[in-house]
Amino acid sequence: MRWDGIHIAAVGSWLPEPVPAERAVREGGYDAERCATLGYVSALVADDVAPPDMAVRAARSALERSGVAPAEFSLLLHGSLWFQGLDIWPTASYVAARTVGRTVPAMDVQQRCNVGLGAIEMAAAHLTAGVRPGTAAMVTTADRWAGPAVDRWNLHDSNVYGDGGTALVLSRAGGFARLLSTVTAADNSLEGATRGDEPFRTASPAATEPIDLIGRARAHRAEQSAAGADPTALVFRFARTMIAAKTAALADAGLSTGDLARVVVPATGRNPGDHQLHDVLDVPEQLTTWDFGRRTGHVGGGDWAAGLEHLVTTGAVAAGDRVLLFGGGAGYTCTAAVLEITDVPSW
């Protein structure tokens, strides 16, 4: 989808202090070989701030930076991967009431790690359709990976998880970047990779039983192999979905891979061997935000707002640069968004 007149007015984040990966290894919570393979330097850890409050802090930062009045907002979308502090409770309404106002429609959206990017596409569509009065929409994310249900260092075979909240303001009235295009590609048959062979339950056992995504993935691979599926073919299906989103988003923006100045990628760990995510995207690793992400850990759906903020605040982008935001989430969905930097704010 090519967008006309949709801008990124601001990004903001609340990110706690990092805990070195080497410390986790020394303390016995993180295998040294796994540490060496995944390549993380550290992960962000918040001990005393709940995810909804992370999102509020990030949203207030983005709101102030944007200069957009709360009265201009017509939507707030909040995304998360895990527990937000209470069951059966609307986190989005809490965030909206403390940032953009009590009468702005606020909705919690889900699609695992892709929720931050997928919500940008939804918010852009909302603003373009003119569903409600107003020129702006807010997208927030937040997660805290706390025990005993979650072991951030060993939850997933490819990731170490970092805590934090992020926010992004979309506006029809201007901003520091134009949203040129977004495309979401999906292969819903891949949802089993995070379901494994676990039965559906009547209530979550997560408060007492650790979540084991590695075990679920292993069970899924075993099930597929028993059915005669080639494990390598499963990997290619993920890659095809990723490439489809990237290729279509660039085509809609009228650009090629060579036109990209930077690529904001998910802060997922490195793969064993030499073939990495930047190879799938056909870009040099130094153009990606991996060097930033390996210090934060995978901040759920917030990698892209945090990564874009990092590029802006460190002077890594300039006016005229085209930037690809690229991510995916279990399910499997993958969203690619293409931006053009029009001005570099001095935040």
C-alpha atoms as a PDB file:
ATOM      1  CA  MET A   1       0.000   0.000   0.000  1.00  0.00           C
ATOM      2  CA  ARG A   2       1.380   3.380  -0.995  1.00  0.00           C
ATOM      3  CA  TRP A   3       0.476   6.144   1.455  1.00  0.00           C
ATOM      4  CA  ASP A   4      -0.110   9.793   0.678  1.00  0.00           C
ATOM      5  CA  GLY A   5       0.090  12.449   3.367  1.00  0.00           C
ATOM      6  CA  ILE A   6       0.911  10.182   6.329  1.00  0.00           C
ATOM      7  CA  HIS A   7       3.914  11.253   8.398  1.00  0.00           C
ATOM      8  CA  ILE A   8       5.853  10.048  11.418  1.00  0.00           C
ATOM      9  CA  ALA A   9       5.635  13.054  13.725  1.00  0.00           C
ATOM     10  CA  ALA A  10       7.678  11.573  16.584  1.00  0.00           C
ATOM     11  CA  VAL A  11       8.939   8.457  18.294  1.00  0.00           C
ATOM     12  CA  GLY A  12       9.638   7.960  21.970  1.00  0.00           C
ATOM     13  CA  SER A  13      10.677   5.223  24.344  1.00  0.00           C
ATOM     14  CA  TRP A  14      11.181   4.274  27.950  1.00  0.00           C
ATOM     15  CA  LEU A  15      14.069   1.826  28.136  1.00  0.00           C
ATOM     16  CA  PRO A  16      15.623   0.570  31.387  1.00  0.00           C
ATOM     17  CA  GLU A  17      19.282  -0.089  32.035  1.00  0.00           C
ATOM     18  CA  PRO A  18      21.013  -3.027  30.314  1.00  0.00           C
ATOM     19  CA  VAL A  19      22.245  -6.130  32.098  1.00  0.00           C
ATOM     20  CA  PRO A  20      25.398  -7.563  30.473  1.00  0.00           C
ATOM     21  CA  ALA A  21      24.990 -10.981  28.891  1.00  0.00           C
ATOM     22  CA  GLU A  22      28.327 -12.002  30.386  1.00  0.00           C
ATOM     23  CA  ARG A  23      26.910 -11.400  33.866  1.00  0.00           C
ATOM     24  CA  ALA A  24      24.014 -13.758  33.118  1.00  0.00           C
ATOM     25  CA  VAL A  25      26.541 -16.362  31.974  1.00  0.00           C
ATOM     26  CA  ARG A  26      28.643 -15.930  35.118  1.00  0.00           C
ATOM     27  CA  GLU A  27      25.556 -16.264  37.307  1.00  0.00           C
ATOM     28  CA  GLY A  28      24.545 -19.490  35.543  1.00  0.00           C
ATOM     29  CA  GLY A  29      21.370 -18.198  33.921  1.00  0.00           C
ATOM     30  CA  TYR A  30      22.651 -18.119  30.348  1.00  0.00           C
ATOM     31  CA  ASP A  31      24.629 -20.811  28.557  1.00  0.00           C
ATOM     32  CA  ALA A  32      28.014 -19.587  27.322  1.00  0.00           C
ATOM     33  CA  GLU A  33      27.687 -21.342  23.953  1.00  0.00           C
ATOM     34  CA  ARG A  34      24.211 -19.914  23.423  1.00  0.00           C
ATOM     35  CA  CYS A  35      25.548 -16.487  24.358  1.00  0.00           C
ATOM     36  CA  ALA A  36      28.330 -16.741  21.801  1.00  0.00           C
ATOM     37  CA  THR A  37      25.957 -17.912  19.063  1.00  0.00           C
ATOM     38  CA  LEU A  38      23.194 -15.322  19.528  1.00  0.00           C
ATOM     39  CA  GLY A  39      25.615 -12.428  19.824  1.00  0.00           C
ATOM     40  CA  TYR A  40      23.788 -10.284  22.370  1.00  0.00           C
ATOM     41  CA  VAL A  41      25.937  -7.945  24.463  1.00  0.00           C
ATOM     42  CA  SER A  42      23.197  -7.153  26.982  1.00  0.00           C
ATOM     43  CA  ALA A  43      19.456  -7.042  27.598  1.00  0.00           C
ATOM     44  CA  LEU A  44      17.317  -4.283  29.094  1.00  0.00           C
ATOM     45  CA  VAL A  45      15.844  -5.225  32.470  1.00  0.00           C
ATOM     46  CA  ALA A  46      13.129  -3.342  34.402  1.00  0.00           C
ATOM     47  CA  ASP A  47      12.532  -4.492  37.956  1.00  0.00           C
ATOM     48  CA  ASP A  48       9.979  -1.983  39.199  1.00  0.00           C
ATOM     49  CA  VAL A  49       8.020  -0.464  36.266  1.00  0.00           C
ATOM     50  CA  ALA A  50       4.947  -2.245  34.909  1.00  0.00           C
ATOM     51  CA  PRO A  51       4.446  -2.417  31.129  1.00  0.00           C
ATOM     52  CA  PRO A  52       1.457  -0.012  31.035  1.00  0.00           C
ATOM     53  CA  ASP A  53       3.537   2.641  32.791  1.00  0.00           C
ATOM     54  CA  MET A  54       6.421   2.041  30.388  1.00  0.00           C
ATOM     55  CA  ALA A  55       4.010   2.735  27.538  1.00  0.00           C
ATOM     56  CA  VAL A  56       2.693   5.891  29.212  1.00  0.00           C
ATOM     57  CA  ARG A  57       6.225   7.246  29.692  1.00  0.00           C
ATOM     58  CA  ALA A  58       7.125   6.487  26.086  1.00  0.00           C
ATOM     59  CA  ALA A  59       3.894   8.026  24.793  1.00  0.00           C
ATOM     60  CA  ARG A  60       4.384  11.203  26.805  1.00  0.00           C
ATOM     61  CA  SER A  61       7.855  11.563  25.333  1.00  0.00           C
ATOM     62  CA  ALA A  62       6.570  11.051  21.785  1.00  0.00           C
ATOM     63  CA  LEU A  63       3.654  13.409  22.389  1.00  0.00           C
ATOM     64  CA  GLU A  64       5.927  16.195  23.599  1.00  0.00           C
ATOM     65  CA  ARG A  65       8.349  15.695  20.723  1.00  0.00           C
ATOM     66  CA  SER A  66       5.576  15.679  18.131  1.00  0.00           C
ATOM     67  CA  GLY A  67       4.022  18.985  19.116  1.00  0.00           C
ATOM     68  CA  VAL A  68       0.636  17.466  18.258  1.00  0.00           C
ATOM     69  CA  ALA A  69      -2.178  18.504  20.585  1.00  0.00           C
ATOM     70  CA  PRO A  70      -4.039  15.649  22.319  1.00  0.00           C
ATOM     71  CA  ALA A  71      -7.263  16.916  20.724  1.00  0.00           C
ATOM     72  CA  GLU A  72      -5.880  15.947  17.308  1.00  0.00           C
ATOM     73  CA  PHE A  73      -5.686  12.244  18.146  1.00  0.00           C
ATOM     74  CA  SER A  74      -8.395   9.952  16.825  1.00  0.00           C
ATOM     75  CA  LEU A  75      -6.901   6.568  17.813  1.00  0.00           C
ATOM     76  CA  LEU A  76      -4.425   4.865  20.118  1.00  0.00           C
ATOM     77  CA  LEU A  77      -3.290   1.297  19.467  1.00  0.00           C
ATOM     78  CA  HIS A  78      -1.312  -0.577  22.110  1.00  0.00           C
ATOM     79  CA  GLY A  79       0.568  -3.782  21.406  1.00  0.00           C
ATOM     80  CA  SER A  80       2.287  -6.306  23.634  1.00  0.00           C
ATOM     81  CA  LEU A  81       3.549  -9.867  23.620  1.00  0.00           C
ATOM     82  CA  TRP A  82       2.927 -10.815  27.197  1.00  0.00           C
ATOM     83  CA  PHE A  83       1.266 -10.037  30.538  1.00  0.00           C
ATOM     84  CA  GLN A  84       0.530  -6.353  31.129  1.00  0.00           C
ATOM     85  CA  GLY A  85      -0.032  -6.502  34.884  1.00  0.00           C
ATOM     86  CA  LEU A  86      -3.667  -7.605  35.136  1.00  0.00           C
ATOM     87  CA  ASP A  87      -5.879 -10.157  33.407  1.00  0.00           C
ATOM     88  CA  ILE A  88      -9.067  -9.150  31.565  1.00  0.00           C
ATOM     89  CA  TRP A  89      -8.148  -5.460  31.535  1.00  0.00           C
ATOM     90  CA  PRO A  90      -7.722  -2.886  28.699  1.00  0.00           C
ATOM     91  CA  THR A  91      -4.134  -1.647  28.760  1.00  0.00           C
ATOM     92  CA  ALA A  92      -4.746   0.657  25.791  1.00  0.00           C
ATOM     93  CA  SER A  93      -7.399   2.629  27.669  1.00  0.00           C
ATOM     94  CA  TYR A  94      -5.017   3.143  30.585  1.00  0.00           C
ATOM     95  CA  VAL A  95      -2.319   4.464  28.257  1.00  0.00           C
ATOM     96  CA  ALA A  96      -4.712   6.712  26.327  1.00  0.00           C
ATOM     97  CA  ALA A  97      -6.283   8.252  29.427  1.00  0.00           C
ATOM     98  CA  ARG A  98      -2.847   9.318  30.655  1.00  0.00           C
ATOM     99  CA  THR A  99      -1.583  10.665  27.328  1.00  0.00           C
ATOM    100  CA  VAL A 100      -3.961  11.551  24.474  1.00  0.00           C
ATOM    101  CA  GLY A 101      -7.166  11.833  26.483  1.00  0.00           C
ATOM    102  CA  ARG A 102     -10.190  10.077  27.918  1.00  0.00           C
ATOM    103  CA  THR A 103     -12.345  10.206  24.756  1.00  0.00           C
ATOM    104  CA  VAL A 104      -9.830   8.849  22.212  1.00  0.00           C
ATOM    105  CA  PRO A 105     -10.711   5.294  21.133  1.00  0.00           C
ATOM    106  CA  ALA A 106      -7.997   2.979  22.423  1.00  0.00           C
ATOM    107  CA  MET A 107      -7.542  -0.647  21.449  1.00  0.00           C
ATOM    108  CA  ASP A 108      -5.168  -3.440  22.355  1.00  0.00           C
ATOM    109  CA  VAL A 109      -3.854  -5.212  19.253  1.00  0.00           C
ATOM    110  CA  GLN A 110      -1.950  -8.475  18.974  1.00  0.00           C
ATOM    111  CA  GLN A 111       0.259 -10.298  16.523  1.00  0.00           C
ATOM    112  CA  ARG A 112       3.272 -11.218  18.543  1.00  0.00           C
ATOM    113  CA  CYS A 113       6.490  -9.383  17.606  1.00  0.00           C
ATOM    114  CA  ASN A 114       4.957  -7.873  14.467  1.00  0.00           C
ATOM    115  CA  VAL A 115       2.376  -5.909  16.450  1.00  0.00           C
ATOM    116  CA  GLY A 116       4.361  -2.644  16.470  1.00  0.00           C
ATOM    117  CA  LEU A 117       4.768  -2.512  12.700  1.00  0.00           C
ATOM    118  CA  GLY A 118       1.379  -4.003  11.885  1.00  0.00           C
ATOM    119  CA  ALA A 119      -0.276  -1.364  14.073  1.00  0.00           C
ATOM    120  CA  ILE A 120       1.412   1.390  12.046  1.00  0.00           C
ATOM    121  CA  GLU A 121      -0.309   0.066   8.940  1.00  0.00           C
ATOM    122  CA  MET A 122      -3.657  -0.080  10.769  1.00  0.00           C
ATOM    123  CA  ALA A 123      -3.263   3.451  12.126  1.00  0.00           C
ATOM    124  CA  ALA A 124      -2.314   4.806   8.696  1.00  0.00           C
ATOM    125  CA  ALA A 125      -5.418   3.213   7.204  1.00  0.00           C
ATOM    126  CA  HIS A 126      -7.543   4.710   9.985  1.00  0.00           C
ATOM    127  CA  LEU A 127      -6.204   8.217   9.337  1.00  0.00           C
ATOM    128  CA  THR A 128      -6.543   7.880   5.572  1.00  0.00           C
ATOM    129  CA  ALA A 129     -10.139   6.684   5.810  1.00  0.00           C
ATOM    130  CA  GLY A 130     -11.112   9.589   8.038  1.00  0.00           C
ATOM    131  CA  VAL A 131     -13.066   7.351  10.393  1.00  0.00           C
ATOM    132  CA  ARG A 132     -13.065  10.034  13.073  1.00  0.00           C
ATOM    133  CA  PRO A 133     -12.138  13.713  13.295  1.00  0.00           C
ATOM    134  CA  GLY A 134      -8.475  14.302  14.037  1.00  0.00           C
ATOM    135  CA  THR A 135      -5.161  14.189  12.254  1.00  0.00           C
ATOM    136  CA  ALA A 136      -3.060  11.893  14.437  1.00  0.00           C
ATOM    137  CA  ALA A 137      -2.798   8.386  15.874  1.00  0.00           C
ATOM    138  CA  MET A 138      -0.558   6.923  18.566  1.00  0.00           C
ATOM    139  CA  VAL A 139       0.982   3.437  18.508  1.00  0.00           C
ATOM    140  CA  THR A 140       2.498   2.156  21.759  1.00  0.00           C
ATOM    141  CA  THR A 141       4.144  -1.103  22.836  1.00  0.00           C
ATOM    142  CA  ALA A 142       5.408  -2.406  26.169  1.00  0.00           C
ATOM    143  CA  ASP A 143       6.572  -5.641  27.756  1.00  0.00           C
ATOM    144  CA  ARG A 144       8.399  -6.817  30.853  1.00  0.00           C
ATOM    145  CA  TRP A 145       9.811 -10.346  30.859  1.00  0.00           C
ATOM    146  CA  ALA A 146       9.505 -11.447  34.468  1.00  0.00           C
ATOM    147  CA  GLY A 147       9.836 -14.782  36.228  1.00  0.00           C
ATOM    148  CA  PRO A 148       8.793 -17.340  37.152  1.00  0.00           C
ATOM    149  CA  ALA A 149       6.847 -17.704  33.914  1.00  0.00           C
ATOM    150  CA  VAL A 150       9.493 -16.168  31.676  1.00  0.00           C
ATOM    151  CA  ASP A 151      13.247 -16.653  31.507  1.00  0.00           C
ATOM    152  CA  ARG A 152      14.342 -13.831  29.213  1.00  0.00           C
ATOM    153  CA  TRP A 153      17.693 -15.462  28.449  1.00  0.00           C
ATOM    154  CA  ASN A 154      16.260 -18.855  27.444  1.00  0.00           C
ATOM    155  CA  LEU A 155      12.618 -18.374  26.430  1.00  0.00           C
ATOM    156  CA  HIS A 156      13.123 -18.628  22.663  1.00  0.00           C
ATOM    157  CA  ASP A 157      15.708 -20.408  20.561  1.00  0.00           C
ATOM    158  CA  SER A 158      16.612 -17.236  18.620  1.00  0.00           C
ATOM    159  CA  ASN A 159      16.013 -14.387  21.065  1.00  0.00           C
ATOM    160  CA  VAL A 160      16.982 -12.825  24.338  1.00  0.00           C
ATOM    161  CA  TYR A 161      14.197 -10.507  25.485  1.00  0.00           C
ATOM    162  CA  GLY A 162      14.546  -6.934  26.707  1.00  0.00           C
ATOM    163  CA  ASP A 163      12.046  -4.854  28.671  1.00  0.00           C
ATOM    164  CA  GLY A 164      10.779  -1.473  27.556  1.00  0.00           C
ATOM    165  CA  GLY A 165       8.035   0.713  26.170  1.00  0.00           C
ATOM    166  CA  THR A 166       7.874   2.581  22.873  1.00  0.00           C
ATOM    167  CA  ALA A 167       5.577   5.046  21.148  1.00  0.00           C
ATOM    168  CA  LEU A 168       5.154   6.418  17.647  1.00  0.00           C
ATOM    169  CA  VAL A 169       2.941   9.295  16.490  1.00  0.00           C
ATOM    170  CA  LEU A 170       1.468   9.225  12.987  1.00  0.00           C
ATOM    171  CA  SER A 171       0.067  12.480  11.639  1.00  0.00           C
ATOM    172  CA  ARG A 172      -1.549  13.884   8.529  1.00  0.00           C
ATOM    173  CA  ALA A 173      -0.285  17.352   9.485  1.00  0.00           C
ATOM    174  CA  GLY A 174       3.447  16.696   9.039  1.00  0.00           C
ATOM    175  CA  GLY A 175       6.432  15.208  10.777  1.00  0.00           C
ATOM    176  CA  PHE A 176      10.093  14.309  10.407  1.00  0.00           C
ATOM    177  CA  ALA A 177       9.459  11.401   8.006  1.00  0.00           C
ATOM    178  CA  ARG A 178       6.933  10.511   5.332  1.00  0.00           C
ATOM    179  CA  LEU A 179       5.404   7.040   5.368  1.00  0.00           C
ATOM    180  CA  LEU A 180       5.803   5.957   1.751  1.00  0.00           C
ATOM    181  CA  SER A 181       4.431   2.426   1.879  1.00  0.00           C
ATOM    182  CA  THR A 182       3.598  -0.589   4.011  1.00  0.00           C
ATOM    183  CA  VAL A 183       2.976  -4.210   3.121  1.00  0.00           C
ATOM    184  CA  THR A 184       2.038  -7.111   5.379  1.00  0.00           C
ATOM    185  CA  ALA A 185       2.616 -10.665   4.163  1.00  0.00           C
ATOM    186  CA  ALA A 186       1.350 -13.724   6.010  1.00  0.00           C
ATOM    187  CA  ASP A 187       1.571 -17.496   6.176  1.00  0.00           C
ATOM    188  CA  ASN A 188      -0.882 -18.527   8.887  1.00  0.00           C
ATOM    189  CA  SER A 189       0.027 -22.194   8.557  1.00  0.00           C
ATOM    190  CA  LEU A 190       3.248 -21.405  10.443  1.00  0.00           C
ATOM    191  CA  GLU A 191       1.474 -20.616  13.743  1.00  0.00           C
ATOM    192  CA  GLY A 192       2.304 -24.099  14.979  1.00  0.00           C
ATOM    193  CA  ALA A 193       5.931 -23.133  15.439  1.00  0.00           C
ATOM    194  CA  THR A 194       4.962 -21.375  18.687  1.00  0.00           C
ATOM    195  CA  ARG A 195       2.118 -23.733  19.647  1.00  0.00           C
ATOM    196  CA  GLY A 196       4.007 -27.002  19.427  1.00  0.00           C
ATOM    197  CA  ASP A 197       2.024 -29.959  20.734  1.00  0.00           C
ATOM    198  CA  GLU A 198       0.628 -28.245  23.824  1.00  0.00           C
ATOM    199  CA  PRO A 199      -3.111 -28.700  24.443  1.00  0.00           C
ATOM    200  CA  PHE A 200      -5.454 -25.774  24.826  1.00  0.00           C
ATOM    201  CA  ARG A 201      -6.226 -25.036  28.481  1.00  0.00           C
ATOM    202  CA  THR A 202      -9.009 -23.389  30.457  1.00  0.00           C
ATOM    203  CA  ALA A 203      -6.627 -20.950  32.168  1.00  0.00           C
ATOM    204  CA  SER A 204      -3.012 -19.892  31.847  1.00  0.00           C
ATOM    205  CA  PRO A 205      -0.550 -21.929  33.910  1.00  0.00           C
ATOM    206  CA  ALA A 206       2.124 -19.269  33.335  1.00  0.00           C
ATOM    207  CA  ALA A 207       2.165 -18.046  36.937  1.00  0.00           C
ATOM    208  CA  THR A 208       3.620 -21.346  38.107  1.00  0.00           C
ATOM    209  CA  GLU A 209       4.921 -23.098  34.998  1.00  0.00           C
ATOM    210  CA  PRO A 210       7.677 -21.519  32.882  1.00  0.00           C
ATOM    211  CA  ILE A 211       6.755 -20.866  29.254  1.00  0.00           C
ATOM    212  CA  ASP A 212       8.917 -22.988  26.959  1.00  0.00           C
ATOM    213  CA  LEU A 213       8.871 -21.647  23.406  1.00  0.00           C
ATOM    214  CA  ILE A 214      11.993 -23.642  22.575  1.00  0.00           C
ATOM    215  CA  GLY A 215      10.200 -26.859  23.518  1.00  0.00           C
ATOM    216  CA  ARG A 216       7.141 -25.878  21.480  1.00  0.00           C
ATOM    217  CA  ALA A 217       9.302 -25.216  18.411  1.00  0.00           C
ATOM    218  CA  ARG A 218      11.077 -28.531  18.876  1.00  0.00           C
ATOM    219  CA  ALA A 219       7.744 -30.367  19.120  1.00  0.00           C
ATOM    220  CA  HIS A 220       6.468 -28.645  15.987  1.00  0.00           C
ATOM    221  CA  ARG A 221       9.548 -29.635  14.018  1.00  0.00           C
ATOM    222  CA  ALA A 222       9.200 -33.228  15.203  1.00  0.00           C
ATOM    223  CA  GLU A 223       5.521 -33.276  14.214  1.00  0.00           C
ATOM    224  CA  GLN A 224       6.317 -31.897  10.773  1.00  0.00           C
ATOM    225  CA  SER A 225       9.139 -34.387  10.261  1.00  0.00           C
ATOM    226  CA  ALA A 226       6.867 -37.260  11.274  1.00  0.00           C
ATOM    227  CA  ALA A 227       4.379 -36.076   8.650  1.00  0.00           C
ATOM    228  CA  GLY A 228       7.114 -36.153   6.014  1.00  0.00           C
ATOM    229  CA  ALA A 229       7.745 -32.402   5.811  1.00  0.00           C
ATOM    230  CA  ASP A 230      11.247 -31.193   5.079  1.00  0.00           C
ATOM    231  CA  PRO A 231      12.469 -29.005   8.018  1.00  0.00           C
ATOM    232  CA  THR A 232      14.451 -26.908   5.550  1.00  0.00           C
ATOM    233  CA  ALA A 233      11.260 -26.184   3.627  1.00  0.00           C
ATOM    234  CA  LEU A 234       9.730 -24.682   6.777  1.00  0.00           C
ATOM    235  CA  VAL A 235      12.641 -22.271   7.066  1.00  0.00           C
ATOM    236  CA  PHE A 236      12.199 -21.271   3.437  1.00  0.00           C
ATOM    237  CA  ARG A 237       8.500 -20.555   4.035  1.00  0.00           C
ATOM    238  CA  PHE A 238       9.411 -18.056   6.734  1.00  0.00           C
ATOM    239  CA  ALA A 239      11.999 -16.491   4.441  1.00  0.00           C
ATOM    240  CA  ARG A 240       9.583 -16.290   1.508  1.00  0.00           C
ATOM    241  CA  THR A 241       7.076 -14.403   3.655  1.00  0.00           C
ATOM    242  CA  MET A 242       9.776 -11.973   4.748  1.00  0.00           C
ATOM    243  CA  ILE A 243      11.037 -11.376   1.230  1.00  0.00           C
ATOM    244  CA  ALA A 244       7.498 -10.927  -0.102  1.00  0.00           C
ATOM    245  CA  ALA A 245       6.786  -8.114   2.379  1.00  0.00           C
ATOM    246  CA  LYS A 246      10.062  -6.339   1.698  1.00  0.00           C
ATOM    247  CA  THR A 247       9.845  -6.639  -2.086  1.00  0.00           C
ATOM    248  CA  ALA A 248       6.248  -5.424  -2.283  1.00  0.00           C
ATOM    249  CA  ALA A 249       6.808  -2.497   0.104  1.00  0.00           C
ATOM    250  CA  LEU A 250       9.778  -1.262  -1.911  1.00  0.00           C
ATOM    251  CA  ALA A 251       7.838  -1.664  -5.172  1.00  0.00           C
ATOM    252  CA  ASP A 252       4.905   0.324  -3.772  1.00  0.00           C
ATOM    253  CA  ALA A 253       7.334   3.071  -2.732  1.00  0.00           C
ATOM    254  CA  GLY A 254       8.957   3.051  -6.172  1.00  0.00           C
ATOM    255  CA  LEU A 255      12.340   2.129  -4.715  1.00  0.00           C
ATOM    256  CA  SER A 256      14.915  -0.647  -4.854  1.00  0.00           C
ATOM    257  CA  THR A 257      17.048  -2.160  -2.108  1.00  0.00           C
ATOM    258  CA  GLY A 258      19.974  -0.010  -3.214  1.00  0.00           C
ATOM    259  CA  ASP A 259      17.987   3.143  -2.433  1.00  0.00           C
ATOM    260  CA  LEU A 260      17.864   2.338   1.290  1.00  0.00           C
ATOM    261  CA  ALA A 261      20.108   4.298   3.632  1.00  0.00           C
ATOM    262  CA  ARG A 262      19.245   2.285   6.750  1.00  0.00           C
ATOM    263  CA  VAL A 263      17.154  -0.735   7.758  1.00  0.00           C
ATOM    264  CA  VAL A 264      15.555  -1.071  11.189  1.00  0.00           C
ATOM    265  CA  VAL A 265      15.430  -4.795  11.911  1.00  0.00           C
ATOM    266  CA  PRO A 266      14.058  -6.844  14.802  1.00  0.00           C
ATOM    267  CA  ALA A 267      16.549  -7.335  17.622  1.00  0.00           C
ATOM    268  CA  THR A 268      16.524 -11.078  17.153  1.00  0.00           C
ATOM    269  CA  GLY A 269      19.697 -13.033  17.781  1.00  0.00           C
ATOM    270  CA  ARG A 270      22.160 -14.234  15.204  1.00  0.00           C
ATOM    271  CA  ASN A 271      21.664 -17.601  13.520  1.00  0.00           C
ATOM    272  CA  PRO A 272      24.243 -20.389  13.764  1.00  0.00           C
ATOM    273  CA  GLY A 273      26.551 -20.155  10.777  1.00  0.00           C
ATOM    274  CA  ASP A 274      27.111 -17.286   8.391  1.00  0.00           C
ATOM    275  CA  HIS A 275      23.629 -16.682   6.949  1.00  0.00           C
ATOM    276  CA  GLN A 276      21.959 -13.864   8.894  1.00  0.00           C
ATOM    277  CA  LEU A 277      18.842 -11.700   8.615  1.00  0.00           C
ATOM    278  CA  HIS A 278      20.632  -9.009   6.642  1.00  0.00           C
ATOM    279  CA  ASP A 279      21.514 -11.658   4.047  1.00  0.00           C
ATOM    280  CA  VAL A 280      17.812 -12.487   3.639  1.00  0.00           C
ATOM    281  CA  LEU A 281      17.122  -8.771   3.161  1.00  0.00           C
ATOM    282  CA  ASP A 282      20.096  -8.404   0.801  1.00  0.00           C
ATOM    283  CA  VAL A 283      21.611  -5.459   2.674  1.00  0.00           C
ATOM    284  CA  PRO A 284      24.978  -5.011   4.429  1.00  0.00           C
ATOM    285  CA  GLU A 285      24.756  -5.611   8.167  1.00  0.00           C
ATOM    286  CA  GLN A 286      26.214  -2.163   8.884  1.00  0.00           C
ATOM    287  CA  LEU A 287      23.078  -0.589   7.375  1.00  0.00           C
ATOM    288  CA  THR A 288      20.894  -2.386   9.914  1.00  0.00           C
ATOM    289  CA  THR A 289      20.222  -1.606  13.572  1.00  0.00           C
ATOM    290  CA  TRP A 290      21.623  -4.929  14.805  1.00  0.00           C
ATOM    291  CA  ASP A 291      24.455  -3.196  16.690  1.00  0.00           C
ATOM    292  CA  PHE A 292      21.797  -1.308  18.690  1.00  0.00           C
ATOM    293  CA  GLY A 293      19.492  -4.307  19.090  1.00  0.00           C
ATOM    294  CA  ARG A 294      22.212  -6.613  20.387  1.00  0.00           C
ATOM    295  CA  ARG A 295      22.491  -4.239  23.355  1.00  0.00           C
ATOM    296  CA  THR A 296      18.761  -3.991  24.119  1.00  0.00           C
ATOM    297  CA  GLY A 297      17.582  -7.522  23.513  1.00  0.00           C
ATOM    298  CA  HIS A 298      14.379  -8.150  21.606  1.00  0.00           C
ATOM    299  CA  VAL A 299      11.978  -5.518  23.017  1.00  0.00           C
ATOM    300  CA  GLY A 300       8.920  -7.323  21.653  1.00  0.00           C
ATOM    301  CA  GLY A 301       6.921  -5.189  19.257  1.00  0.00           C
ATOM    302  CA  GLY A 302       8.961  -2.110  20.172  1.00  0.00           C
ATOM    303  CA  ASP A 303      12.175  -2.855  18.279  1.00  0.00           C
ATOM    304  CA  TRP A 304      11.183  -0.664  15.355  1.00  0.00           C
ATOM    305  CA  ALA A 305      10.168   2.517  17.179  1.00  0.00           C
ATOM    306  CA  ALA A 306      13.215   2.170  19.451  1.00  0.00           C
ATOM    307  CA  GLY A 307      15.477   1.478  16.476  1.00  0.00           C
ATOM    308  CA  LEU A 308      14.147   4.454  14.514  1.00  0.00           C
ATOM    309  CA  GLU A 309      14.544   6.685  17.565  1.00  0.00           C
ATOM    310  CA  HIS A 310      18.145   5.490  17.898  1.00  0.00           C
ATOM    311  CA  LEU A 311      18.895   6.376  14.259  1.00  0.00           C
ATOM    312  CA  VAL A 312      17.444   9.862  14.692  1.00  0.00           C
ATOM    313  CA  THR A 313      18.999  10.718  18.046  1.00  0.00           C
ATOM    314  CA  THR A 314      22.471   9.473  17.045  1.00  0.00           C
ATOM    315  CA  GLY A 315      22.480  11.365  13.751  1.00  0.00           C
ATOM    316  CA  ALA A 316      22.609   8.155  11.726  1.00  0.00           C
ATOM    317  CA  VAL A 317      20.038   9.433   9.209  1.00  0.00           C
ATOM    318  CA  ALA A 318      19.774  12.636   7.202  1.00  0.00           C
ATOM    319  CA  ALA A 319      17.067  14.423   5.243  1.00  0.00           C
ATOM    320  CA  GLY A 320      16.352  12.532   2.043  1.00  0.00           C
ATOM    321  CA  ASP A 321      17.330   9.127   3.438  1.00  0.00           C
ATOM    322  CA  ARG A 322      14.982   6.227   2.768  1.00  0.00           C
ATOM    323  CA  VAL A 323      14.614   3.849   5.693  1.00  0.00           C
ATOM    324  CA  LEU A 324      13.042   0.404   5.777  1.00  0.00           C
ATOM    325  CA  LEU A 325      11.358  -0.782   8.962  1.00  0.00           C
ATOM    326  CA  PHE A 326      11.254  -4.551   8.683  1.00  0.00           C
ATOM    327  CA  GLY A 327       9.833  -7.099  11.079  1.00  0.00           C
ATOM    328  CA  GLY A 328       7.811 -10.218  11.617  1.00  0.00           C
ATOM    329  CA  GLY A 329       5.963 -12.096  14.294  1.00  0.00           C
ATOM    330  CA  ALA A 330       4.807 -15.603  15.074  1.00  0.00           C
ATOM    331  CA  GLY A 331       1.731 -16.527  13.166  1.00  0.00           C
ATOM    332  CA  TYR A 332       3.485 -15.855  10.759  1.00  0.00           C
ATOM    333  CA  THR A 333       3.054 -12.242   9.648  1.00  0.00           C
ATOM    334  CA  CYS A 334       5.679  -9.871   8.356  1.00  0.00           C
ATOM    335  CA  THR A 335       5.283  -6.117   7.831  1.00  0.00           C
ATOM    336  CA  ALA A 336       7.639  -3.842   5.928  1.00  0.00           C
ATOM    337  CA  ALA A 337       7.309  -0.055   6.082  1.00  0.00           C
ATOM    338  CA  VAL A 338       9.278   2.401   3.941  1.00  0.00           C
ATOM    339  CA  LEU A 339       9.961   5.931   5.211  1.00  0.00           C
ATOM    340  CA  GLU A 340      11.619   8.995   3.759  1.00  0.00           C
ATOM    341  CA  ILE A 341      13.342  11.233   6.297  1.00  0.00           C
ATOM    342  CA  THR A 342      12.319  14.829   5.560  1.00  0.00           C
ATOM    343  CA  ASP A 343      13.892  16.516   8.587  1.00  0.00           C
ATOM    344  CA  VAL A 344      16.134  15.412  11.446  1.00  0.00           C
ATOM    345  CA  PRO A 345      14.700  16.725  14.720  1.00  0.00           C
ATOM    346  CA  SER A 346      16.974  17.769  17.585  1.00  0.00           C
ATOM    347  CA  TRP A 347      15.461  15.714  20.393  1.00  0.00           C
END
